[in-house]
Amino acid sequence: MTKKFSAQKIALIALFIVINIVGGHLALYTRLPIYLDTIGTLLGSAVFGPIGGVITGVLTALINGTTGDLFSIYYMPSQITTAIVAGLVYKRFKATDVKNIWWLAFVISLPATVVSTMITIILFHGITSSGSSMLVQVLHGFGMNEVGAVLLVQVGTDYLDRVIGVYVVAVVYQTIRKYIK
């Protein structure tokens, strides 16, 4: 991302934030065990690098946290981690590379999973607003300790969430790249 913010860059970042907000609210209100609130962050990282992704992720967390899901503010470090890692990955690999989405999603999701797991355990003792909290409670009810249950659920849900996100980025980026200056 250059030092100069053009109207096009601002408009695209705003669009990516809206994608995050709509996806996050869809997942929240339907109690999906995934989050869908990082697709725009991944797009921001693919189009503008880590800084564009960080701007998208931070603004998403602030807007979501003040308008619909207070938990989003606390997960801002996860958005930042996702943006930085995705930005670095997309500098090395094409964002349109659909054949490698499984391992790209794994590489992008793993660091943020560690961050999210720590936040969920330390601040919320495994219970958040997401549908994945139900899975944590089921595992905890079957005798798994809280840390293990949160980590297991977080690894699975974050990975699935990033697979969807990386796939959407590949499709959308392929479509919009010819229009981006």
N, C-alpha and C. Protein backbone atom coordinates (compact mmCIF):
# COMPACT_ATOMS: atom_id res chain seq x y z
N MET A 1 0.85 -1.17 0.00
CA MET A 1 0.00 0.00 0.00
C MET A 1 0.89 1.23 0.00
N THR A 2 0.66 2.12 -0.90
CA THR A 2 1.49 3.32 -0.98
C THR A 2 1.08 4.29 0.12
N LYS A 3 1.90 5.31 0.28
CA LYS A 3 1.62 6.31 1.31
C LYS A 3 0.39 7.15 0.96
N LYS A 4 0.06 7.20 -0.31
CA LYS A 4 -1.06 8.01 -0.77
C LYS A 4 -2.34 7.18 -0.79
N PHE A 5 -3.37 7.69 -0.15
CA PHE A 5 -4.66 7.02 -0.16
C PHE A 5 -5.51 7.61 -1.27
N SER A 6 -5.82 6.81 -2.25
CA SER A 6 -6.68 7.27 -3.33
C SER A 6 -8.13 6.97 -2.96
N ALA A 7 -9.04 7.59 -3.70
CA ALA A 7 -10.47 7.33 -3.48
C ALA A 7 -10.77 5.85 -3.72
N GLN A 8 -10.10 5.26 -4.70
CA GLN A 8 -10.32 3.85 -5.00
C GLN A 8 -9.90 2.96 -3.82
N LYS A 9 -8.76 3.25 -3.21
CA LYS A 9 -8.28 2.46 -2.07
C LYS A 9 -9.24 2.59 -0.88
N ILE A 10 -9.66 3.80 -0.62
CA ILE A 10 -10.58 4.03 0.50
C ILE A 10 -11.90 3.30 0.25
N ALA A 11 -12.40 3.38 -0.97
CA ALA A 11 -13.66 2.71 -1.31
C ALA A 11 -13.52 1.19 -1.19
N LEU A 12 -12.41 0.65 -1.65
CA LEU A 12 -12.22 -0.81 -1.55
C LEU A 12 -12.09 -1.25 -0.10
N ILE A 13 -11.35 -0.51 0.69
CA ILE A 13 -11.23 -0.87 2.12
C ILE A 13 -12.60 -0.79 2.79
N ALA A 14 -13.38 0.23 2.46
CA ALA A 14 -14.74 0.34 3.01
C ALA A 14 -15.58 -0.87 2.59
N LEU A 15 -15.46 -1.27 1.33
CA LEU A 15 -16.18 -2.47 0.85
C LEU A 15 -15.73 -3.71 1.60
N PHE A 16 -14.42 -3.86 1.82
CA PHE A 16 -13.90 -5.03 2.54
C PHE A 16 -14.40 -5.05 3.99
N ILE A 17 -14.52 -3.86 4.60
CA ILE A 17 -15.05 -3.78 5.96
C ILE A 17 -16.51 -4.22 5.98
N VAL A 18 -17.28 -3.76 5.00
CA VAL A 18 -18.69 -4.16 4.91
C VAL A 18 -18.81 -5.68 4.73
N ILE A 19 -17.95 -6.25 3.90
CA ILE A 19 -17.96 -7.72 3.72
C ILE A 19 -17.72 -8.41 5.06
N ASN A 20 -16.73 -7.92 5.83
CA ASN A 20 -16.47 -8.49 7.16
C ASN A 20 -17.69 -8.36 8.08
N ILE A 21 -18.29 -7.20 8.10
CA ILE A 21 -19.42 -6.95 9.00
C ILE A 21 -20.61 -7.82 8.62
N VAL A 22 -20.94 -7.87 7.35
CA VAL A 22 -22.07 -8.70 6.91
C VAL A 22 -21.79 -10.18 7.21
N GLY A 23 -20.59 -10.64 6.87
CA GLY A 23 -20.24 -12.03 7.14
C GLY A 23 -20.28 -12.35 8.63
N GLY A 24 -19.70 -11.46 9.43
CA GLY A 24 -19.68 -11.67 10.88
C GLY A 24 -21.08 -11.69 11.49
N HIS A 25 -21.94 -10.78 11.06
CA HIS A 25 -23.31 -10.76 11.57
C HIS A 25 -24.10 -11.98 11.10
N LEU A 26 -23.89 -12.39 9.87
CA LEU A 26 -24.55 -13.60 9.36
C LEU A 26 -24.18 -14.80 10.21
N ALA A 27 -22.91 -14.96 10.49
CA ALA A 27 -22.46 -16.08 11.32
C ALA A 27 -22.97 -15.97 12.75
N LEU A 28 -22.94 -14.76 13.30
CA LEU A 28 -23.37 -14.54 14.67
C LEU A 28 -24.86 -14.83 14.86
N TYR A 29 -25.67 -14.27 13.99
CA TYR A 29 -27.12 -14.39 14.18
C TYR A 29 -27.68 -15.74 13.77
N THR A 30 -26.95 -16.47 12.95
CA THR A 30 -27.39 -17.83 12.59
C THR A 30 -26.69 -18.88 13.44
N ARG A 31 -25.82 -18.42 14.35
CA ARG A 31 -25.08 -19.30 15.27
C ARG A 31 -24.21 -20.32 14.54
N LEU A 32 -23.64 -19.90 13.41
CA LEU A 32 -22.73 -20.78 12.69
C LEU A 32 -21.49 -21.02 13.55
N PRO A 33 -20.88 -22.18 13.46
CA PRO A 33 -19.66 -22.43 14.23
C PRO A 33 -18.41 -21.82 13.59
N ILE A 34 -18.58 -21.04 12.52
CA ILE A 34 -17.48 -20.31 11.92
C ILE A 34 -17.80 -18.82 12.03
N TYR A 35 -16.87 -17.96 11.60
CA TYR A 35 -16.99 -16.55 11.94
C TYR A 35 -17.30 -15.64 10.74
N LEU A 36 -16.73 -15.91 9.60
CA LEU A 36 -16.95 -15.17 8.36
C LEU A 36 -16.66 -13.68 8.46
N ASP A 37 -15.90 -13.28 9.48
CA ASP A 37 -15.61 -11.86 9.66
C ASP A 37 -14.19 -11.47 9.25
N THR A 38 -13.51 -12.36 8.53
CA THR A 38 -12.16 -12.02 8.06
C THR A 38 -12.02 -12.09 6.55
N ILE A 39 -13.10 -12.33 5.84
CA ILE A 39 -13.01 -12.41 4.37
C ILE A 39 -12.53 -11.06 3.82
N GLY A 40 -13.09 -9.98 4.32
CA GLY A 40 -12.66 -8.65 3.88
C GLY A 40 -11.23 -8.34 4.29
N THR A 41 -10.82 -8.81 5.47
CA THR A 41 -9.44 -8.64 5.92
C THR A 41 -8.48 -9.36 4.98
N LEU A 42 -8.86 -10.58 4.60
CA LEU A 42 -8.04 -11.34 3.65
C LEU A 42 -7.97 -10.63 2.30
N LEU A 43 -9.09 -10.09 1.85
CA LEU A 43 -9.11 -9.32 0.60
C LEU A 43 -8.23 -8.08 0.71
N GLY A 44 -8.33 -7.38 1.81
CA GLY A 44 -7.49 -6.21 2.03
C GLY A 44 -6.02 -6.56 2.00
N SER A 45 -5.66 -7.69 2.57
CA SER A 45 -4.27 -8.15 2.56
C SER A 45 -3.82 -8.58 1.18
N ALA A 46 -4.72 -9.20 0.43
CA ALA A 46 -4.38 -9.65 -0.92
C ALA A 46 -4.20 -8.47 -1.87
N VAL A 47 -5.06 -7.47 -1.74
CA VAL A 47 -5.03 -6.33 -2.66
C VAL A 47 -3.98 -5.30 -2.24
N PHE A 48 -3.87 -4.99 -0.96
CA PHE A 48 -3.03 -3.89 -0.50
C PHE A 48 -1.87 -4.31 0.40
N GLY A 49 -1.71 -5.60 0.65
CA GLY A 49 -0.64 -6.05 1.53
C GLY A 49 -1.08 -6.03 2.99
N PRO A 50 -0.13 -6.33 3.88
CA PRO A 50 -0.47 -6.43 5.31
C PRO A 50 -1.11 -5.17 5.90
N ILE A 51 -0.64 -4.01 5.49
CA ILE A 51 -1.18 -2.76 6.05
C ILE A 51 -2.65 -2.58 5.68
N GLY A 52 -3.00 -2.87 4.44
CA GLY A 52 -4.40 -2.77 4.00
C GLY A 52 -5.28 -3.74 4.76
N GLY A 53 -4.76 -4.94 5.00
CA GLY A 53 -5.51 -5.93 5.78
C GLY A 53 -5.67 -5.51 7.23
N VAL A 54 -4.62 -4.95 7.80
CA VAL A 54 -4.68 -4.49 9.20
C VAL A 54 -5.71 -3.36 9.34
N ILE A 55 -5.68 -2.41 8.42
CA ILE A 55 -6.65 -1.31 8.47
C ILE A 55 -8.07 -1.87 8.40
N THR A 56 -8.29 -2.79 7.47
CA THR A 56 -9.60 -3.42 7.32
C THR A 56 -10.01 -4.15 8.60
N GLY A 57 -9.11 -4.97 9.14
CA GLY A 57 -9.41 -5.76 10.33
C GLY A 57 -9.67 -4.92 11.56
N VAL A 58 -8.85 -3.89 11.78
CA VAL A 58 -9.01 -3.03 12.96
C VAL A 58 -10.33 -2.26 12.88
N LEU A 59 -10.61 -1.67 11.73
CA LEU A 59 -11.86 -0.92 11.60
C LEU A 59 -13.07 -1.83 11.71
N THR A 60 -12.96 -3.06 11.19
CA THR A 60 -14.05 -4.02 11.34
C THR A 60 -14.31 -4.32 12.82
N ALA A 61 -13.24 -4.59 13.56
CA ALA A 61 -13.39 -4.91 14.99
C ALA A 61 -14.01 -3.75 15.75
N LEU A 62 -13.58 -2.55 15.43
CA LEU A 62 -14.14 -1.37 16.12
C LEU A 62 -15.61 -1.15 15.78
N ILE A 63 -15.95 -1.26 14.50
CA ILE A 63 -17.35 -1.05 14.10
C ILE A 63 -18.23 -2.18 14.63
N ASN A 64 -17.82 -3.42 14.44
CA ASN A 64 -18.61 -4.55 14.95
C ASN A 64 -18.75 -4.48 16.46
N GLY A 65 -17.66 -4.14 17.12
CA GLY A 65 -17.66 -4.10 18.58
C GLY A 65 -18.54 -3.02 19.16
N THR A 66 -18.79 -1.98 18.40
CA THR A 66 -19.64 -0.90 18.92
C THR A 66 -21.07 -0.95 18.37
N THR A 67 -21.34 -1.82 17.42
CA THR A 67 -22.67 -1.85 16.82
C THR A 67 -23.41 -3.18 16.95
N GLY A 68 -22.73 -4.26 17.23
CA GLY A 68 -23.48 -5.50 17.22
C GLY A 68 -22.89 -6.64 18.04
N ASP A 69 -21.57 -6.70 18.11
CA ASP A 69 -20.94 -7.81 18.80
C ASP A 69 -19.73 -7.29 19.57
N LEU A 70 -19.93 -6.99 20.84
CA LEU A 70 -18.87 -6.44 21.69
C LEU A 70 -17.61 -7.30 21.69
N PHE A 71 -17.78 -8.62 21.53
CA PHE A 71 -16.64 -9.52 21.54
C PHE A 71 -15.64 -9.20 20.43
N SER A 72 -16.09 -8.60 19.34
CA SER A 72 -15.21 -8.30 18.20
C SER A 72 -14.03 -7.42 18.58
N ILE A 73 -14.24 -6.48 19.46
CA ILE A 73 -13.15 -5.60 19.88
C ILE A 73 -12.03 -6.41 20.52
N TYR A 74 -12.39 -7.37 21.34
CA TYR A 74 -11.39 -8.17 22.03
C TYR A 74 -10.60 -9.07 21.08
N TYR A 75 -11.19 -9.40 19.94
CA TYR A 75 -10.52 -10.25 18.96
C TYR A 75 -9.78 -9.44 17.89
N MET A 76 -9.61 -8.15 18.12
CA MET A 76 -8.85 -7.32 17.18
C MET A 76 -7.43 -7.86 16.96
N PRO A 77 -6.73 -8.35 18.00
CA PRO A 77 -5.40 -8.92 17.75
C PRO A 77 -5.43 -10.11 16.77
N SER A 78 -6.51 -10.85 16.77
CA SER A 78 -6.64 -11.95 15.82
C SER A 78 -6.81 -11.43 14.40
N GLN A 79 -7.59 -10.36 14.24
CA GLN A 79 -7.75 -9.72 12.93
C GLN A 79 -6.38 -9.21 12.44
N ILE A 80 -5.64 -8.59 13.32
CA ILE A 80 -4.33 -8.03 12.96
C ILE A 80 -3.38 -9.15 12.55
N THR A 81 -3.36 -10.21 13.33
CA THR A 81 -2.49 -11.36 13.02
C THR A 81 -2.86 -11.96 11.67
N THR A 82 -4.16 -12.16 11.44
CA THR A 82 -4.62 -12.70 10.17
C THR A 82 -4.18 -11.80 9.02
N ALA A 83 -4.34 -10.51 9.17
CA ALA A 83 -3.98 -9.55 8.11
C ALA A 83 -2.49 -9.59 7.80
N ILE A 84 -1.67 -9.60 8.82
CA ILE A 84 -0.22 -9.59 8.60
C ILE A 84 0.23 -10.88 7.92
N VAL A 85 -0.21 -12.01 8.45
CA VAL A 85 0.19 -13.29 7.87
C VAL A 85 -0.34 -13.43 6.44
N ALA A 86 -1.60 -13.08 6.22
CA ALA A 86 -2.18 -13.18 4.87
C ALA A 86 -1.45 -12.24 3.91
N GLY A 87 -1.13 -11.04 4.35
CA GLY A 87 -0.41 -10.10 3.50
C GLY A 87 0.95 -10.63 3.09
N LEU A 88 1.64 -11.26 4.03
CA LEU A 88 2.95 -11.85 3.71
C LEU A 88 2.80 -13.06 2.79
N VAL A 89 1.79 -13.88 3.05
CA VAL A 89 1.55 -15.05 2.20
C VAL A 89 1.20 -14.61 0.79
N TYR A 90 0.32 -13.61 0.67
CA TYR A 90 -0.11 -13.16 -0.66
C TYR A 90 1.00 -12.40 -1.40
N LYS A 91 2.04 -11.96 -0.71
CA LYS A 91 3.19 -11.39 -1.41
C LYS A 91 3.99 -12.50 -2.09
N ARG A 92 3.95 -13.67 -1.51
CA ARG A 92 4.73 -14.80 -2.03
C ARG A 92 3.94 -15.68 -2.99
N PHE A 93 2.66 -15.83 -2.74
CA PHE A 93 1.80 -16.70 -3.54
C PHE A 93 0.65 -15.89 -4.14
N LYS A 94 0.22 -16.30 -5.31
CA LYS A 94 -0.87 -15.59 -5.97
C LYS A 94 -2.17 -15.76 -5.19
N ALA A 95 -2.89 -14.67 -5.05
CA ALA A 95 -4.17 -14.70 -4.35
C ALA A 95 -5.20 -15.51 -5.14
N THR A 96 -4.96 -15.71 -6.42
CA THR A 96 -5.91 -16.45 -7.26
C THR A 96 -5.63 -17.95 -7.30
N ASP A 97 -4.67 -18.39 -6.52
CA ASP A 97 -4.24 -19.80 -6.53
C ASP A 97 -5.24 -20.69 -5.80
N VAL A 98 -6.23 -21.20 -6.51
CA VAL A 98 -7.28 -22.01 -5.89
C VAL A 98 -6.79 -23.42 -5.55
N LYS A 99 -5.85 -23.93 -6.29
CA LYS A 99 -5.42 -25.31 -6.06
C LYS A 99 -4.67 -25.51 -4.74
N ASN A 100 -4.19 -24.41 -4.17
CA ASN A 100 -3.45 -24.51 -2.90
C ASN A 100 -4.20 -23.93 -1.71
N ILE A 101 -5.52 -23.78 -1.84
CA ILE A 101 -6.24 -23.11 -0.75
C ILE A 101 -6.16 -23.87 0.57
N TRP A 102 -6.05 -25.18 0.54
CA TRP A 102 -6.04 -25.96 1.79
C TRP A 102 -4.84 -25.62 2.65
N TRP A 103 -3.67 -25.59 2.06
CA TRP A 103 -2.50 -25.29 2.88
C TRP A 103 -2.31 -23.79 3.08
N LEU A 104 -2.74 -22.95 2.11
CA LEU A 104 -2.69 -21.50 2.33
C LEU A 104 -3.59 -21.12 3.51
N ALA A 105 -4.76 -21.72 3.57
CA ALA A 105 -5.69 -21.45 4.68
C ALA A 105 -5.08 -21.90 6.01
N PHE A 106 -4.38 -23.02 5.99
CA PHE A 106 -3.74 -23.52 7.21
C PHE A 106 -2.66 -22.55 7.69
N VAL A 107 -1.79 -22.12 6.77
CA VAL A 107 -0.71 -21.20 7.12
C VAL A 107 -1.26 -19.88 7.64
N ILE A 108 -2.31 -19.39 7.00
CA ILE A 108 -2.91 -18.11 7.42
C ILE A 108 -3.66 -18.25 8.74
N SER A 109 -4.32 -19.38 8.95
CA SER A 109 -5.16 -19.52 10.15
C SER A 109 -4.37 -19.85 11.42
N LEU A 110 -3.28 -20.57 11.32
CA LEU A 110 -2.60 -21.07 12.52
C LEU A 110 -2.17 -19.98 13.51
N PRO A 111 -1.45 -18.94 13.09
CA PRO A 111 -1.05 -17.92 14.09
C PRO A 111 -2.25 -17.23 14.74
N ALA A 112 -3.27 -16.92 13.96
CA ALA A 112 -4.45 -16.25 14.53
C ALA A 112 -5.22 -17.20 15.44
N THR A 113 -5.15 -18.49 15.16
CA THR A 113 -5.81 -19.48 16.03
C THR A 113 -5.18 -19.46 17.42
N VAL A 114 -3.88 -19.37 17.47
CA VAL A 114 -3.19 -19.29 18.76
C VAL A 114 -3.63 -18.04 19.51
N VAL A 115 -3.68 -16.91 18.82
CA VAL A 115 -4.10 -15.65 19.44
C VAL A 115 -5.55 -15.74 19.91
N SER A 116 -6.44 -16.23 19.05
CA SER A 116 -7.87 -16.36 19.40
C SER A 116 -8.08 -17.30 20.57
N THR A 117 -7.35 -18.38 20.59
CA THR A 117 -7.48 -19.35 21.68
C THR A 117 -7.10 -18.71 23.01
N MET A 118 -6.00 -17.97 23.02
CA MET A 118 -5.57 -17.32 24.26
C MET A 118 -6.61 -16.30 24.71
N ILE A 119 -7.15 -15.53 23.79
CA ILE A 119 -8.17 -14.53 24.14
C ILE A 119 -9.41 -15.22 24.70
N THR A 120 -9.85 -16.27 24.02
CA THR A 120 -11.06 -16.99 24.45
C THR A 120 -10.89 -17.59 25.84
N ILE A 121 -9.73 -18.16 26.11
CA ILE A 121 -9.51 -18.81 27.41
C ILE A 121 -9.30 -17.77 28.52
N ILE A 122 -8.43 -16.82 28.28
CA ILE A 122 -8.06 -15.86 29.33
C ILE A 122 -9.20 -14.90 29.64
N LEU A 123 -9.83 -14.33 28.63
CA LEU A 123 -10.85 -13.32 28.87
C LEU A 123 -12.25 -13.89 29.07
N PHE A 124 -12.57 -14.97 28.35
CA PHE A 124 -13.96 -15.42 28.32
C PHE A 124 -14.19 -16.83 28.84
N HIS A 125 -13.15 -17.50 29.28
CA HIS A 125 -13.26 -18.85 29.83
C HIS A 125 -14.02 -19.80 28.90
N GLY A 126 -13.79 -19.62 27.59
CA GLY A 126 -14.34 -20.54 26.59
C GLY A 126 -15.70 -20.18 26.04
N ILE A 127 -16.34 -19.16 26.58
CA ILE A 127 -17.71 -18.83 26.15
C ILE A 127 -17.73 -17.45 25.50
N THR A 128 -18.07 -17.42 24.22
CA THR A 128 -18.17 -16.15 23.49
C THR A 128 -19.53 -16.09 22.81
N SER A 129 -19.69 -15.12 21.93
CA SER A 129 -20.96 -14.95 21.24
C SER A 129 -21.11 -15.84 20.02
N SER A 130 -20.05 -16.53 19.63
CA SER A 130 -20.09 -17.32 18.40
C SER A 130 -20.73 -18.69 18.61
N GLY A 131 -21.14 -19.27 17.50
CA GLY A 131 -21.72 -20.61 17.54
C GLY A 131 -20.72 -21.67 17.97
N SER A 132 -19.43 -21.39 17.82
CA SER A 132 -18.41 -22.37 18.21
C SER A 132 -18.37 -22.57 19.72
N SER A 133 -18.89 -21.63 20.48
CA SER A 133 -18.93 -21.78 21.94
C SER A 133 -19.78 -22.98 22.36
N MET A 134 -20.80 -23.27 21.55
CA MET A 134 -21.63 -24.45 21.86
C MET A 134 -20.80 -25.72 21.74
N LEU A 135 -19.94 -25.78 20.72
CA LEU A 135 -19.07 -26.95 20.56
C LEU A 135 -18.09 -27.08 21.73
N VAL A 136 -17.56 -25.94 22.18
CA VAL A 136 -16.65 -25.94 23.33
C VAL A 136 -17.37 -26.49 24.55
N GLN A 137 -18.59 -26.05 24.78
CA GLN A 137 -19.34 -26.50 25.94
C GLN A 137 -19.68 -27.99 25.88
N VAL A 138 -19.98 -28.48 24.68
CA VAL A 138 -20.25 -29.91 24.51
C VAL A 138 -19.01 -30.72 24.86
N LEU A 139 -17.86 -30.33 24.31
CA LEU A 139 -16.61 -31.05 24.61
C LEU A 139 -16.26 -30.96 26.09
N HIS A 140 -16.45 -29.79 26.66
CA HIS A 140 -16.18 -29.60 28.09
C HIS A 140 -17.13 -30.48 28.92
N GLY A 141 -18.37 -30.58 28.48
CA GLY A 141 -19.35 -31.43 29.17
C GLY A 141 -19.00 -32.91 29.11
N PHE A 142 -18.30 -33.32 28.06
CA PHE A 142 -17.86 -34.71 27.93
C PHE A 142 -16.56 -34.98 28.67
N GLY A 143 -16.07 -33.98 29.40
CA GLY A 143 -14.91 -34.19 30.25
C GLY A 143 -13.60 -33.61 29.75
N MET A 144 -13.59 -33.01 28.58
CA MET A 144 -12.35 -32.39 28.10
C MET A 144 -12.12 -31.10 28.87
N ASN A 145 -10.85 -30.84 29.20
CA ASN A 145 -10.58 -29.61 29.94
C ASN A 145 -10.82 -28.39 29.05
N GLU A 146 -10.99 -27.25 29.69
CA GLU A 146 -11.39 -26.03 28.98
C GLU A 146 -10.38 -25.64 27.90
N VAL A 147 -9.10 -25.66 28.23
CA VAL A 147 -8.06 -25.27 27.27
C VAL A 147 -8.07 -26.20 26.06
N GLY A 148 -8.15 -27.48 26.29
CA GLY A 148 -8.17 -28.46 25.20
C GLY A 148 -9.41 -28.29 24.32
N ALA A 149 -10.55 -28.07 24.95
CA ALA A 149 -11.80 -27.91 24.19
C ALA A 149 -11.75 -26.65 23.34
N VAL A 150 -11.31 -25.55 23.91
CA VAL A 150 -11.22 -24.29 23.16
C VAL A 150 -10.22 -24.44 22.02
N LEU A 151 -9.06 -25.01 22.29
CA LEU A 151 -8.03 -25.15 21.27
C LEU A 151 -8.52 -26.04 20.12
N LEU A 152 -9.12 -27.17 20.45
CA LEU A 152 -9.61 -28.09 19.42
C LEU A 152 -10.68 -27.42 18.54
N VAL A 153 -11.63 -26.78 19.17
CA VAL A 153 -12.69 -26.11 18.42
C VAL A 153 -12.13 -24.94 17.62
N GLN A 154 -11.24 -24.17 18.22
CA GLN A 154 -10.67 -23.01 17.54
C GLN A 154 -9.86 -23.43 16.31
N VAL A 155 -9.08 -24.49 16.42
CA VAL A 155 -8.30 -24.97 15.28
C VAL A 155 -9.23 -25.36 14.14
N GLY A 156 -10.27 -26.12 14.44
CA GLY A 156 -11.19 -26.56 13.40
C GLY A 156 -12.00 -25.44 12.79
N THR A 157 -12.56 -24.59 13.63
CA THR A 157 -13.42 -23.52 13.10
C THR A 157 -12.62 -22.44 12.39
N ASP A 158 -11.45 -22.08 12.93
CA ASP A 158 -10.61 -21.08 12.26
C ASP A 158 -10.15 -21.59 10.90
N TYR A 159 -9.74 -22.86 10.85
CA TYR A 159 -9.27 -23.42 9.58
C TYR A 159 -10.40 -23.43 8.54
N LEU A 160 -11.57 -23.90 8.93
CA LEU A 160 -12.70 -23.92 8.00
C LEU A 160 -13.06 -22.50 7.56
N ASP A 161 -13.04 -21.57 8.49
CA ASP A 161 -13.33 -20.18 8.19
C ASP A 161 -12.32 -19.62 7.18
N ARG A 162 -11.03 -19.94 7.36
CA ARG A 162 -10.01 -19.45 6.44
C ARG A 162 -10.06 -20.15 5.08
N VAL A 163 -10.45 -21.42 5.05
CA VAL A 163 -10.63 -22.09 3.75
C VAL A 163 -11.68 -21.35 2.94
N ILE A 164 -12.79 -21.04 3.57
CA ILE A 164 -13.85 -20.28 2.89
C ILE A 164 -13.32 -18.91 2.48
N GLY A 165 -12.64 -18.23 3.38
CA GLY A 165 -12.10 -16.91 3.09
C GLY A 165 -11.08 -16.90 1.96
N VAL A 166 -10.15 -17.84 1.98
CA VAL A 166 -9.12 -17.91 0.95
C VAL A 166 -9.75 -18.24 -0.40
N TYR A 167 -10.76 -19.09 -0.40
CA TYR A 167 -11.45 -19.41 -1.65
C TYR A 167 -12.18 -18.17 -2.20
N VAL A 168 -12.88 -17.47 -1.34
CA VAL A 168 -13.59 -16.26 -1.77
C VAL A 168 -12.59 -15.22 -2.29
N VAL A 169 -11.46 -15.08 -1.60
CA VAL A 169 -10.43 -14.14 -2.05
C VAL A 169 -9.95 -14.53 -3.45
N ALA A 170 -9.71 -15.81 -3.68
CA ALA A 170 -9.23 -16.26 -4.99
C ALA A 170 -10.22 -15.89 -6.09
N VAL A 171 -11.50 -16.11 -5.83
CA VAL A 171 -12.52 -15.83 -6.83
C VAL A 171 -12.70 -14.32 -7.04
N VAL A 172 -12.81 -13.58 -5.96
CA VAL A 172 -13.05 -12.14 -6.05
C VAL A 172 -11.81 -11.42 -6.61
N TYR A 173 -10.65 -11.78 -6.10
CA TYR A 173 -9.42 -11.12 -6.55
C TYR A 173 -9.21 -11.32 -8.05
N GLN A 174 -9.51 -12.51 -8.53
CA GLN A 174 -9.38 -12.78 -9.96
C GLN A 174 -10.30 -11.86 -10.77
N THR A 175 -11.45 -11.55 -10.22
CA THR A 175 -12.41 -10.70 -10.90
C THR A 175 -12.02 -9.22 -10.83
N ILE A 176 -11.57 -8.75 -9.67
CA ILE A 176 -11.33 -7.30 -9.50
C ILE A 176 -9.92 -6.85 -9.85
N ARG A 177 -8.97 -7.75 -9.98
CA ARG A 177 -7.57 -7.33 -10.16
C ARG A 177 -7.36 -6.48 -11.40
N LYS A 178 -8.14 -6.71 -12.44
CA LYS A 178 -7.96 -5.92 -13.67
C LYS A 178 -8.47 -4.48 -13.50
N TYR A 179 -9.28 -4.24 -12.48
CA TYR A 179 -9.82 -2.90 -12.24
C TYR A 179 -9.01 -2.10 -11.23
N ILE A 180 -8.09 -2.77 -10.54
CA ILE A 180 -7.32 -2.12 -9.49
C ILE A 180 -6.07 -1.48 -10.10
N LYS A 181 -5.88 -0.21 -9.79
CA LYS A 181 -4.71 0.50 -10.31
C LYS A 181 -3.52 0.30 -9.40
